[in-house]
Amino acid sequence: MGLNLTRKDFMDWIEERVRRKDRELFLKKLEKHVGNKIEIEKWTFTDNKFPRVGSYTTYNIFILCLIFLTEGDFEKDLEPDEDIELEALKSFRNHLKPASEKIPYTNHFLNVGDSDTIFIPIFFENPFEFEENYVASKIAAENALESFAAILKFDLKSSFDDEGDLVKWIPMATAKNVARIIYQFFKEKPDTCISYI
């Protein structure tokens, strides 16, 4: 188990997640939210690539790194059994300043779900939510990843950083590698929709 990415026909995603009687309302609200007509017929491409982002914990390390940089220390929000997350936090404290950066459009990662989100290839400032299903802007998310990479001084297009091992794990490398996986898949076919699975 874990979190993967897939290219998805947008209408198929809607049909899987939105009740038939609500689909017209969903599209109307989405169009109002993004400020443009949605051309669903252009967003039909699928393929058999399913890159693995990692475990849900791995993905969460990336999310927590974004939170630390933009919102601040999150220790008070951790559950007692979240040892990996606490270890990541301690590492972030050693290398980064909490709430020190303004990364645009991080809400397209921070304010969406990790298995009920689709990224569509148009720009809009804030993600859209309908009955706990989320539509995010792939373009805004790419912008957030580019800013994240600039702050941490790494190349989103390069190969992976060594994340260490069980004895000496490097959480910053994990966060960078998750960003790379997402960004590279987003950029490979720009006019497609991508969902978490």
N, C-alpha and C. Protein backbone atom coordinates (compact mmCIF):
# COMPACT_ATOMS: atom_id res chain seq x y z
N MET A 1 0.84 -1.20 0.00
CA MET A 1 0.00 0.00 0.00
C MET A 1 0.87 1.25 0.00
N GLY A 2 0.29 2.31 -0.48
CA GLY A 2 0.99 3.58 -0.52
C GLY A 2 0.26 4.52 -1.44
N LEU A 3 0.89 5.62 -1.73
CA LEU A 3 0.28 6.65 -2.56
C LEU A 3 0.95 6.66 -3.92
N ASN A 4 0.12 6.58 -4.96
CA ASN A 4 0.61 6.63 -6.33
C ASN A 4 -0.07 7.77 -7.07
N LEU A 5 0.46 8.09 -8.23
CA LEU A 5 -0.14 9.07 -9.13
C LEU A 5 -0.64 8.35 -10.38
N THR A 6 -1.67 8.91 -11.01
CA THR A 6 -2.14 8.35 -12.28
C THR A 6 -2.75 9.46 -13.12
N ARG A 7 -2.61 9.32 -14.44
CA ARG A 7 -3.29 10.24 -15.35
C ARG A 7 -4.72 9.77 -15.52
N LYS A 8 -5.66 10.69 -15.37
CA LYS A 8 -7.06 10.31 -15.26
C LYS A 8 -7.93 11.14 -16.20
N ASP A 9 -8.86 10.47 -16.86
CA ASP A 9 -9.92 11.15 -17.59
C ASP A 9 -10.78 11.89 -16.55
N PHE A 10 -10.91 13.20 -16.71
CA PHE A 10 -11.59 13.99 -15.68
C PHE A 10 -13.03 13.55 -15.49
N MET A 11 -13.74 13.25 -16.57
CA MET A 11 -15.14 12.84 -16.44
C MET A 11 -15.24 11.49 -15.74
N ASP A 12 -14.30 10.60 -16.00
CA ASP A 12 -14.29 9.32 -15.28
C ASP A 12 -14.12 9.54 -13.78
N TRP A 13 -13.22 10.46 -13.42
CA TRP A 13 -13.00 10.77 -12.01
C TRP A 13 -14.28 11.31 -11.38
N ILE A 14 -14.96 12.22 -12.08
CA ILE A 14 -16.22 12.77 -11.58
C ILE A 14 -17.25 11.66 -11.39
N GLU A 15 -17.37 10.79 -12.40
CA GLU A 15 -18.37 9.72 -12.33
C GLU A 15 -18.10 8.75 -11.19
N GLU A 16 -16.83 8.56 -10.85
CA GLU A 16 -16.48 7.67 -9.75
C GLU A 16 -16.77 8.30 -8.39
N ARG A 17 -16.79 9.62 -8.31
CA ARG A 17 -16.82 10.28 -7.01
C ARG A 17 -18.05 11.13 -6.73
N VAL A 18 -18.73 11.57 -7.76
CA VAL A 18 -19.86 12.47 -7.57
C VAL A 18 -21.14 11.77 -8.02
N ARG A 19 -22.15 11.81 -7.16
CA ARG A 19 -23.43 11.18 -7.51
C ARG A 19 -23.99 11.78 -8.79
N ARG A 20 -24.65 10.94 -9.57
CA ARG A 20 -25.17 11.37 -10.87
C ARG A 20 -26.00 12.65 -10.75
N LYS A 21 -26.85 12.71 -9.75
CA LYS A 21 -27.76 13.86 -9.61
C LYS A 21 -27.01 15.15 -9.25
N ASP A 22 -25.76 15.01 -8.77
CA ASP A 22 -24.99 16.19 -8.35
C ASP A 22 -23.93 16.63 -9.36
N ARG A 23 -23.77 15.89 -10.45
CA ARG A 23 -22.66 16.17 -11.38
C ARG A 23 -22.79 17.52 -12.06
N GLU A 24 -23.99 17.88 -12.47
CA GLU A 24 -24.18 19.18 -13.11
C GLU A 24 -23.86 20.30 -12.13
N LEU A 25 -24.32 20.15 -10.89
CA LEU A 25 -24.04 21.14 -9.84
C LEU A 25 -22.54 21.21 -9.58
N PHE A 26 -21.88 20.06 -9.51
CA PHE A 26 -20.43 20.01 -9.30
C PHE A 26 -19.71 20.83 -10.36
N LEU A 27 -20.04 20.59 -11.63
CA LEU A 27 -19.36 21.30 -12.72
C LEU A 27 -19.66 22.79 -12.70
N LYS A 28 -20.90 23.14 -12.40
CA LYS A 28 -21.28 24.55 -12.34
C LYS A 28 -20.50 25.27 -11.24
N LYS A 29 -20.40 24.63 -10.07
CA LYS A 29 -19.67 25.24 -8.95
C LYS A 29 -18.17 25.31 -9.25
N LEU A 30 -17.64 24.27 -9.88
CA LEU A 30 -16.22 24.27 -10.23
C LEU A 30 -15.91 25.39 -11.21
N GLU A 31 -16.74 25.55 -12.23
CA GLU A 31 -16.53 26.62 -13.22
C GLU A 31 -16.59 27.99 -12.57
N LYS A 32 -17.52 28.16 -11.65
CA LYS A 32 -17.61 29.44 -10.93
C LYS A 32 -16.35 29.66 -10.10
N HIS A 33 -15.86 28.60 -9.46
CA HIS A 33 -14.67 28.69 -8.60
C HIS A 33 -13.43 29.06 -9.40
N VAL A 34 -13.22 28.43 -10.54
CA VAL A 34 -12.01 28.68 -11.32
C VAL A 34 -12.15 29.90 -12.23
N GLY A 35 -13.39 30.33 -12.50
CA GLY A 35 -13.61 31.51 -13.32
C GLY A 35 -13.55 31.25 -14.81
N ASN A 36 -13.61 29.97 -15.21
CA ASN A 36 -13.57 29.62 -16.63
C ASN A 36 -14.47 28.43 -16.91
N LYS A 37 -14.88 28.32 -18.16
CA LYS A 37 -15.60 27.12 -18.58
C LYS A 37 -14.62 25.96 -18.59
N ILE A 38 -15.07 24.82 -18.08
CA ILE A 38 -14.24 23.63 -18.03
C ILE A 38 -14.48 22.82 -19.30
N GLU A 39 -13.42 22.58 -20.04
CA GLU A 39 -13.53 21.83 -21.30
C GLU A 39 -13.15 20.38 -21.04
N ILE A 40 -14.10 19.64 -20.50
CA ILE A 40 -13.85 18.26 -20.08
C ILE A 40 -13.40 17.39 -21.24
N GLU A 41 -13.89 17.68 -22.42
CA GLU A 41 -13.57 16.83 -23.58
C GLU A 41 -12.08 16.87 -23.92
N LYS A 42 -11.36 17.86 -23.42
CA LYS A 42 -9.90 17.94 -23.67
C LYS A 42 -9.10 17.14 -22.65
N TRP A 43 -9.74 16.73 -21.57
CA TRP A 43 -9.03 16.09 -20.46
C TRP A 43 -9.39 14.62 -20.35
N THR A 44 -9.06 13.87 -21.39
CA THR A 44 -9.44 12.46 -21.43
C THR A 44 -8.24 11.51 -21.43
N PHE A 45 -7.03 12.05 -21.50
CA PHE A 45 -5.85 11.19 -21.66
C PHE A 45 -5.60 10.34 -20.42
N THR A 46 -5.33 9.05 -20.66
CA THR A 46 -4.91 8.15 -19.60
C THR A 46 -3.76 7.30 -20.13
N ASP A 47 -2.99 6.70 -19.24
CA ASP A 47 -1.97 5.75 -19.65
C ASP A 47 -1.76 4.75 -18.53
N ASN A 48 -0.76 3.92 -18.66
CA ASN A 48 -0.52 2.88 -17.66
C ASN A 48 0.65 3.20 -16.74
N LYS A 49 0.93 4.46 -16.55
CA LYS A 49 1.99 4.86 -15.62
C LYS A 49 1.37 5.21 -14.27
N PHE A 50 1.93 4.62 -13.22
CA PHE A 50 1.42 4.85 -11.87
C PHE A 50 2.60 5.06 -10.92
N PRO A 51 3.34 6.16 -11.08
CA PRO A 51 4.53 6.33 -10.22
C PRO A 51 4.16 6.36 -8.74
N ARG A 52 4.96 5.63 -7.98
CA ARG A 52 4.73 5.57 -6.54
C ARG A 52 5.38 6.77 -5.87
N VAL A 53 4.56 7.54 -5.16
CA VAL A 53 5.08 8.66 -4.38
C VAL A 53 5.77 8.13 -3.13
N GLY A 54 5.22 7.09 -2.58
CA GLY A 54 5.76 6.49 -1.37
C GLY A 54 4.63 6.05 -0.48
N SER A 55 4.95 5.70 0.75
CA SER A 55 3.90 5.40 1.72
C SER A 55 3.18 6.70 2.06
N TYR A 56 2.03 6.58 2.72
CA TYR A 56 1.33 7.79 3.16
C TYR A 56 2.19 8.56 4.15
N THR A 57 2.97 7.85 4.94
CA THR A 57 3.88 8.53 5.88
C THR A 57 4.95 9.31 5.13
N THR A 58 5.49 8.70 4.08
CA THR A 58 6.50 9.39 3.26
C THR A 58 5.94 10.67 2.67
N TYR A 59 4.74 10.57 2.08
CA TYR A 59 4.10 11.76 1.52
C TYR A 59 3.87 12.81 2.60
N ASN A 60 3.48 12.35 3.78
CA ASN A 60 3.21 13.28 4.87
C ASN A 60 4.46 14.03 5.31
N ILE A 61 5.65 13.43 5.17
CA ILE A 61 6.89 14.14 5.51
C ILE A 61 7.04 15.36 4.61
N PHE A 62 6.73 15.21 3.32
CA PHE A 62 6.75 16.35 2.39
C PHE A 62 5.75 17.42 2.84
N ILE A 63 4.53 17.00 3.18
CA ILE A 63 3.50 17.94 3.63
C ILE A 63 3.96 18.66 4.90
N LEU A 64 4.52 17.91 5.84
CA LEU A 64 4.97 18.52 7.09
C LEU A 64 6.12 19.50 6.87
N CYS A 65 6.96 19.23 5.89
CA CYS A 65 8.04 20.17 5.56
C CYS A 65 7.44 21.48 5.05
N LEU A 66 6.43 21.38 4.19
CA LEU A 66 5.74 22.59 3.72
C LEU A 66 5.11 23.35 4.89
N ILE A 67 4.47 22.61 5.78
CA ILE A 67 3.83 23.24 6.94
C ILE A 67 4.87 23.95 7.80
N PHE A 68 5.98 23.28 8.08
CA PHE A 68 7.02 23.87 8.92
C PHE A 68 7.54 25.17 8.31
N LEU A 69 7.80 25.15 7.02
CA LEU A 69 8.34 26.34 6.34
C LEU A 69 7.34 27.50 6.30
N THR A 70 6.07 27.18 6.09
CA THR A 70 5.10 28.25 5.84
C THR A 70 4.24 28.61 7.05
N GLU A 71 3.99 27.62 7.94
CA GLU A 71 3.07 27.87 9.06
C GLU A 71 3.77 27.81 10.41
N GLY A 72 4.84 27.03 10.51
CA GLY A 72 5.58 26.98 11.76
C GLY A 72 5.65 25.59 12.37
N ASP A 73 6.17 25.53 13.59
CA ASP A 73 6.37 24.28 14.30
C ASP A 73 5.01 23.60 14.56
N PHE A 74 4.96 22.30 14.36
CA PHE A 74 3.68 21.58 14.45
C PHE A 74 3.68 20.50 15.54
N GLU A 75 4.62 20.57 16.48
CA GLU A 75 4.72 19.50 17.48
C GLU A 75 3.43 19.34 18.26
N LYS A 76 2.76 20.42 18.58
CA LYS A 76 1.52 20.35 19.36
C LYS A 76 0.41 19.59 18.62
N ASP A 77 0.53 19.47 17.32
CA ASP A 77 -0.50 18.78 16.52
C ASP A 77 -0.22 17.30 16.33
N LEU A 78 0.94 16.83 16.77
CA LEU A 78 1.30 15.43 16.58
C LEU A 78 0.64 14.54 17.63
N GLU A 79 0.27 13.34 17.20
CA GLU A 79 -0.25 12.34 18.12
C GLU A 79 0.93 11.67 18.84
N PRO A 80 0.68 11.10 20.03
CA PRO A 80 1.78 10.49 20.79
C PRO A 80 2.53 9.40 20.04
N ASP A 81 1.85 8.70 19.11
CA ASP A 81 2.50 7.59 18.41
C ASP A 81 3.16 8.01 17.09
N GLU A 82 3.19 9.29 16.80
CA GLU A 82 3.76 9.76 15.53
C GLU A 82 5.27 10.00 15.68
N ASP A 83 5.99 8.92 15.91
CA ASP A 83 7.44 9.00 16.16
C ASP A 83 8.21 9.46 14.92
N ILE A 84 7.82 8.96 13.75
CA ILE A 84 8.52 9.33 12.51
C ILE A 84 8.34 10.82 12.23
N GLU A 85 7.11 11.29 12.41
CA GLU A 85 6.82 12.70 12.19
C GLU A 85 7.59 13.59 13.17
N LEU A 86 7.71 13.14 14.42
CA LEU A 86 8.47 13.90 15.42
C LEU A 86 9.95 13.93 15.05
N GLU A 87 10.46 12.82 14.57
CA GLU A 87 11.86 12.77 14.14
C GLU A 87 12.09 13.73 12.97
N ALA A 88 11.13 13.75 12.03
CA ALA A 88 11.23 14.68 10.90
C ALA A 88 11.23 16.12 11.40
N LEU A 89 10.34 16.42 12.34
CA LEU A 89 10.27 17.77 12.89
C LEU A 89 11.60 18.19 13.50
N LYS A 90 12.21 17.31 14.26
CA LYS A 90 13.50 17.64 14.89
C LYS A 90 14.55 17.95 13.82
N SER A 91 14.51 17.20 12.73
CA SER A 91 15.44 17.46 11.64
C SER A 91 15.15 18.81 10.97
N PHE A 92 13.87 19.09 10.75
CA PHE A 92 13.51 20.38 10.15
C PHE A 92 13.99 21.53 11.02
N ARG A 93 13.85 21.38 12.33
CA ARG A 93 14.30 22.44 13.25
C ARG A 93 15.80 22.70 13.11
N ASN A 94 16.56 21.65 12.82
CA ASN A 94 18.02 21.80 12.69
C ASN A 94 18.45 22.46 11.38
N HIS A 95 17.59 22.42 10.37
CA HIS A 95 17.99 22.90 9.05
C HIS A 95 17.18 24.09 8.52
N LEU A 96 15.99 24.30 9.08
CA LEU A 96 15.09 25.32 8.55
C LEU A 96 14.56 26.21 9.67
N LYS A 97 14.06 27.38 9.28
CA LYS A 97 13.42 28.26 10.24
C LYS A 97 11.91 28.12 10.09
N PRO A 98 11.20 27.91 11.21
CA PRO A 98 9.75 27.74 11.12
C PRO A 98 9.05 29.02 10.65
N ALA A 99 8.03 28.84 9.85
CA ALA A 99 7.21 29.95 9.34
C ALA A 99 8.07 31.06 8.73
N SER A 100 9.13 30.65 8.03
CA SER A 100 10.08 31.64 7.50
C SER A 100 9.87 31.96 6.03
N GLU A 101 8.99 31.22 5.37
CA GLU A 101 8.85 31.37 3.92
C GLU A 101 7.40 31.55 3.51
N LYS A 102 7.23 32.30 2.45
CA LYS A 102 5.92 32.39 1.80
C LYS A 102 6.02 31.63 0.49
N ILE A 103 5.46 30.45 0.47
CA ILE A 103 5.46 29.64 -0.74
C ILE A 103 4.06 29.73 -1.35
N PRO A 104 3.95 30.32 -2.54
CA PRO A 104 2.62 30.50 -3.12
C PRO A 104 1.97 29.16 -3.46
N TYR A 105 0.69 29.12 -3.25
CA TYR A 105 -0.18 28.02 -3.69
C TYR A 105 0.08 26.69 -2.99
N THR A 106 0.68 26.72 -1.80
CA THR A 106 0.84 25.46 -1.06
C THR A 106 -0.51 24.87 -0.67
N ASN A 107 -1.57 25.69 -0.69
CA ASN A 107 -2.89 25.18 -0.35
C ASN A 107 -3.33 24.07 -1.31
N HIS A 108 -2.72 23.98 -2.49
CA HIS A 108 -3.06 22.91 -3.43
C HIS A 108 -2.46 21.58 -2.99
N PHE A 109 -1.63 21.60 -1.94
CA PHE A 109 -1.17 20.39 -1.28
C PHE A 109 -1.72 20.30 0.14
N LEU A 110 -1.74 21.43 0.85
CA LEU A 110 -2.09 21.41 2.27
C LEU A 110 -3.59 21.34 2.52
N ASN A 111 -4.40 21.83 1.59
CA ASN A 111 -5.84 21.89 1.81
C ASN A 111 -6.62 20.93 0.92
N VAL A 112 -5.99 19.81 0.58
CA VAL A 112 -6.65 18.76 -0.20
C VAL A 112 -6.39 17.43 0.49
N GLY A 113 -7.10 16.39 0.04
CA GLY A 113 -6.88 15.06 0.60
C GLY A 113 -5.74 14.35 -0.10
N ASP A 114 -5.29 13.24 0.49
CA ASP A 114 -4.18 12.51 -0.12
C ASP A 114 -4.64 11.33 -0.96
N SER A 115 -5.96 11.12 -1.09
CA SER A 115 -6.43 10.05 -1.97
C SER A 115 -7.73 10.43 -2.68
N ASP A 116 -8.17 11.64 -2.50
CA ASP A 116 -9.46 12.07 -3.09
C ASP A 116 -9.30 13.39 -3.83
N THR A 117 -8.14 13.55 -4.49
CA THR A 117 -7.81 14.81 -5.16
C THR A 117 -7.42 14.55 -6.59
N ILE A 118 -7.86 15.44 -7.48
CA ILE A 118 -7.38 15.43 -8.86
C ILE A 118 -6.83 16.81 -9.18
N PHE A 119 -5.72 16.84 -9.89
CA PHE A 119 -5.09 18.09 -10.33
C PHE A 119 -5.44 18.29 -11.80
N ILE A 120 -6.00 19.45 -12.12
CA ILE A 120 -6.40 19.73 -13.50
C ILE A 120 -5.49 20.81 -14.09
N PRO A 121 -5.26 20.76 -15.41
CA PRO A 121 -4.21 21.61 -16.02
C PRO A 121 -4.65 23.03 -16.36
N ILE A 122 -5.26 23.71 -15.40
CA ILE A 122 -5.54 25.14 -15.52
C ILE A 122 -5.17 25.80 -14.21
N PHE A 123 -4.99 27.11 -14.25
CA PHE A 123 -4.59 27.82 -13.04
C PHE A 123 -5.80 28.38 -12.31
N PHE A 124 -5.84 28.19 -11.01
CA PHE A 124 -6.75 28.90 -10.11
C PHE A 124 -6.10 28.93 -8.74
N GLU A 125 -6.42 29.94 -7.96
CA GLU A 125 -5.65 30.22 -6.73
C GLU A 125 -5.86 29.22 -5.60
N ASN A 126 -7.10 28.78 -5.41
CA ASN A 126 -7.40 27.91 -4.28
C ASN A 126 -8.06 26.62 -4.75
N PRO A 127 -7.78 25.50 -4.08
CA PRO A 127 -8.43 24.25 -4.48
C PRO A 127 -9.93 24.31 -4.26
N PHE A 128 -10.63 23.47 -5.00
CA PHE A 128 -12.08 23.39 -4.94
C PHE A 128 -12.46 22.11 -4.20
N GLU A 129 -13.46 22.22 -3.32
CA GLU A 129 -13.91 21.06 -2.56
C GLU A 129 -15.40 20.85 -2.78
N PHE A 130 -15.79 19.62 -3.02
CA PHE A 130 -17.20 19.26 -3.18
C PHE A 130 -17.40 17.90 -2.53
N GLU A 131 -18.12 17.91 -1.40
CA GLU A 131 -18.42 16.68 -0.67
C GLU A 131 -17.16 15.83 -0.43
N GLU A 132 -16.12 16.49 0.07
CA GLU A 132 -14.85 15.87 0.43
C GLU A 132 -14.09 15.28 -0.76
N ASN A 133 -14.39 15.77 -1.94
CA ASN A 133 -13.58 15.51 -3.12
C ASN A 133 -12.95 16.84 -3.51
N TYR A 134 -11.68 16.80 -3.93
CA TYR A 134 -10.94 18.03 -4.16
C TYR A 134 -10.42 18.11 -5.59
N VAL A 135 -10.54 19.32 -6.16
CA VAL A 135 -9.95 19.61 -7.45
C VAL A 135 -8.90 20.69 -7.23
N ALA A 136 -7.65 20.38 -7.56
CA ALA A 136 -6.54 21.31 -7.38
C ALA A 136 -6.02 21.74 -8.74
N SER A 137 -5.34 22.87 -8.76
CA SER A 137 -4.72 23.37 -9.98
C SER A 137 -3.33 22.76 -10.12
N LYS A 138 -3.13 22.03 -11.19
CA LYS A 138 -1.81 21.44 -11.44
C LYS A 138 -0.77 22.54 -11.64
N ILE A 139 -1.16 23.61 -12.30
CA ILE A 139 -0.22 24.72 -12.57
C ILE A 139 0.17 25.42 -11.27
N ALA A 140 -0.80 25.66 -10.40
CA ALA A 140 -0.50 26.29 -9.11
C ALA A 140 0.38 25.37 -8.26
N ALA A 141 0.09 24.07 -8.29
CA ALA A 141 0.89 23.11 -7.52
C ALA A 141 2.33 23.07 -8.03
N GLU A 142 2.51 23.12 -9.35
CA GLU A 142 3.87 23.16 -9.91
C GLU A 142 4.60 24.40 -9.44
N ASN A 143 3.90 25.52 -9.40
CA ASN A 143 4.49 26.77 -8.92
C ASN A 143 4.96 26.62 -7.47
N ALA A 144 4.12 25.98 -6.64
CA ALA A 144 4.48 25.76 -5.24
C ALA A 144 5.73 24.87 -5.14
N LEU A 145 5.80 23.83 -5.95
CA LEU A 145 6.95 22.93 -5.94
C LEU A 145 8.22 23.65 -6.39
N GLU A 146 8.10 24.51 -7.39
CA GLU A 146 9.26 25.27 -7.87
C GLU A 146 9.78 26.22 -6.79
N SER A 147 8.88 26.86 -6.06
CA SER A 147 9.29 27.74 -4.97
C SER A 147 9.93 26.95 -3.83
N PHE A 148 9.35 25.80 -3.52
CA PHE A 148 9.89 24.90 -2.49
C PHE A 148 11.32 24.49 -2.84
N ALA A 149 11.53 24.13 -4.10
CA ALA A 149 12.86 23.71 -4.55
C ALA A 149 13.86 24.88 -4.50
N ALA A 150 13.40 26.07 -4.85
CA ALA A 150 14.28 27.23 -4.81
C ALA A 150 14.72 27.53 -3.37
N ILE A 151 13.80 27.39 -2.43
CA ILE A 151 14.12 27.66 -1.02
C ILE A 151 15.11 26.62 -0.49
N LEU A 152 14.88 25.35 -0.83
CA LEU A 152 15.74 24.29 -0.32
C LEU A 152 16.97 24.04 -1.22
N LYS A 153 17.03 24.80 -2.31
CA LYS A 153 18.18 24.76 -3.22
C LYS A 153 18.45 23.36 -3.78
N PHE A 154 17.43 22.81 -4.44
CA PHE A 154 17.61 21.54 -5.13
C PHE A 154 16.89 21.58 -6.47
N ASP A 155 17.27 20.67 -7.35
CA ASP A 155 16.74 20.61 -8.71
C ASP A 155 15.62 19.58 -8.76
N LEU A 156 14.41 20.05 -9.13
CA LEU A 156 13.27 19.16 -9.21
C LEU A 156 13.41 18.12 -10.32
N LYS A 157 14.27 18.40 -11.30
CA LYS A 157 14.41 17.50 -12.44
C LYS A 157 15.56 16.51 -12.26
N SER A 158 16.30 16.63 -11.16
CA SER A 158 17.46 15.76 -10.96
C SER A 158 17.05 14.42 -10.37
N SER A 159 18.01 13.52 -10.25
CA SER A 159 17.74 12.22 -9.64
C SER A 159 17.60 12.38 -8.13
N PHE A 160 17.22 11.31 -7.49
CA PHE A 160 16.88 11.36 -6.07
C PHE A 160 18.08 11.60 -5.16
N ASP A 161 17.80 12.26 -4.04
CA ASP A 161 18.79 12.39 -2.96
C ASP A 161 18.80 11.09 -2.16
N ASP A 162 19.93 10.78 -1.56
CA ASP A 162 20.03 9.64 -0.65
C ASP A 162 19.28 9.99 0.64
N GLU A 163 18.31 9.15 1.01
CA GLU A 163 17.50 9.42 2.20
C GLU A 163 18.08 8.79 3.46
N GLY A 164 19.26 8.18 3.35
CA GLY A 164 19.87 7.54 4.50
C GLY A 164 19.28 6.16 4.74
N ASP A 165 19.31 5.73 5.99
CA ASP A 165 18.80 4.40 6.34
C ASP A 165 18.09 4.47 7.68
N LEU A 166 17.76 3.29 8.22
CA LEU A 166 17.02 3.25 9.49
C LEU A 166 17.82 3.86 10.63
N VAL A 167 19.14 3.77 10.55
CA VAL A 167 19.99 4.31 11.62
C VAL A 167 20.09 5.83 11.49
N LYS A 168 20.28 6.32 10.27
CA LYS A 168 20.43 7.77 10.05
C LYS A 168 19.58 8.18 8.86
N TRP A 169 18.32 8.47 9.13
CA TRP A 169 17.37 8.88 8.11
C TRP A 169 17.48 10.38 7.88
N ILE A 170 17.30 10.82 6.62
CA ILE A 170 17.40 12.23 6.28
C ILE A 170 16.03 12.72 5.78
N PRO A 171 15.18 13.23 6.68
CA PRO A 171 13.83 13.65 6.31
C PRO A 171 13.78 14.71 5.20
N MET A 172 14.76 15.61 5.20
CA MET A 172 14.78 16.64 4.15
C MET A 172 14.90 16.01 2.77
N ALA A 173 15.71 14.95 2.67
CA ALA A 173 15.86 14.25 1.39
C ALA A 173 14.55 13.59 0.99
N THR A 174 13.83 13.04 1.96
CA THR A 174 12.52 12.44 1.68
C THR A 174 11.57 13.48 1.10
N ALA A 175 11.50 14.64 1.73
CA ALA A 175 10.61 15.71 1.26
C ALA A 175 10.99 16.15 -0.16
N LYS A 176 12.27 16.27 -0.42
CA LYS A 176 12.73 16.67 -1.76
C LYS A 176 12.38 15.60 -2.80
N ASN A 177 12.55 14.35 -2.45
CA ASN A 177 12.28 13.28 -3.40
C ASN A 177 10.80 13.17 -3.74
N VAL A 178 9.94 13.35 -2.74
CA VAL A 178 8.50 13.36 -3.02
C VAL A 178 8.17 14.50 -3.97
N ALA A 179 8.72 15.67 -3.72
CA ALA A 179 8.48 16.82 -4.62
C ALA A 179 8.94 16.50 -6.04
N ARG A 180 10.07 15.84 -6.17
CA ARG A 180 10.59 15.48 -7.50
C ARG A 180 9.63 14.52 -8.23
N ILE A 181 9.17 13.50 -7.53
CA ILE A 181 8.28 12.51 -8.15
C ILE A 181 7.02 13.19 -8.69
N ILE A 182 6.42 14.03 -7.86
CA ILE A 182 5.19 14.71 -8.27
C ILE A 182 5.47 15.65 -9.43
N TYR A 183 6.48 16.47 -9.30
CA TYR A 183 6.77 17.49 -10.31
C TYR A 183 7.11 16.86 -11.66
N GLN A 184 7.95 15.86 -11.65
CA GLN A 184 8.36 15.25 -12.92
C GLN A 184 7.18 14.60 -13.63
N PHE A 185 6.29 13.98 -12.87
CA PHE A 185 5.11 13.36 -13.50
C PHE A 185 4.15 14.43 -14.00
N PHE A 186 3.97 15.50 -13.25
CA PHE A 186 3.12 16.61 -13.70
C PHE A 186 3.63 17.18 -15.03
N LYS A 187 4.94 17.38 -15.11
CA LYS A 187 5.53 18.05 -16.27
C LYS A 187 5.62 17.16 -17.51
N GLU A 188 5.61 15.86 -17.32
CA GLU A 188 5.80 14.94 -18.44
C GLU A 188 4.73 15.11 -19.52
N LYS A 189 3.48 15.28 -19.12
CA LYS A 189 2.38 15.51 -20.07
C LYS A 189 1.53 16.65 -19.50
N PRO A 190 1.86 17.87 -19.85
CA PRO A 190 1.27 19.05 -19.19
C PRO A 190 -0.25 19.17 -19.27
N ASP A 191 -0.87 18.71 -20.36
CA ASP A 191 -2.30 18.94 -20.53
C ASP A 191 -3.17 17.80 -20.04
N THR A 192 -2.68 17.04 -19.07
CA THR A 192 -3.45 15.93 -18.53
C THR A 192 -3.87 16.22 -17.09
N CYS A 193 -4.87 15.47 -16.65
CA CYS A 193 -5.30 15.52 -15.25
C CYS A 193 -4.63 14.39 -14.51
N ILE A 194 -4.24 14.65 -13.27
CA ILE A 194 -3.53 13.65 -12.47
C ILE A 194 -4.21 13.55 -11.11
N SER A 195 -4.46 12.31 -10.72
CA SER A 195 -5.06 12.10 -9.40
C SER A 195 -4.16 11.24 -8.54
N TYR A 196 -4.37 11.35 -7.23
CA TYR A 196 -3.75 10.45 -6.28
C TYR A 196 -4.55 9.15 -6.26
N ILE A 197 -3.87 8.02 -6.16
CA ILE A 197 -4.55 6.75 -5.96
C ILE A 197 -3.80 5.95 -4.90
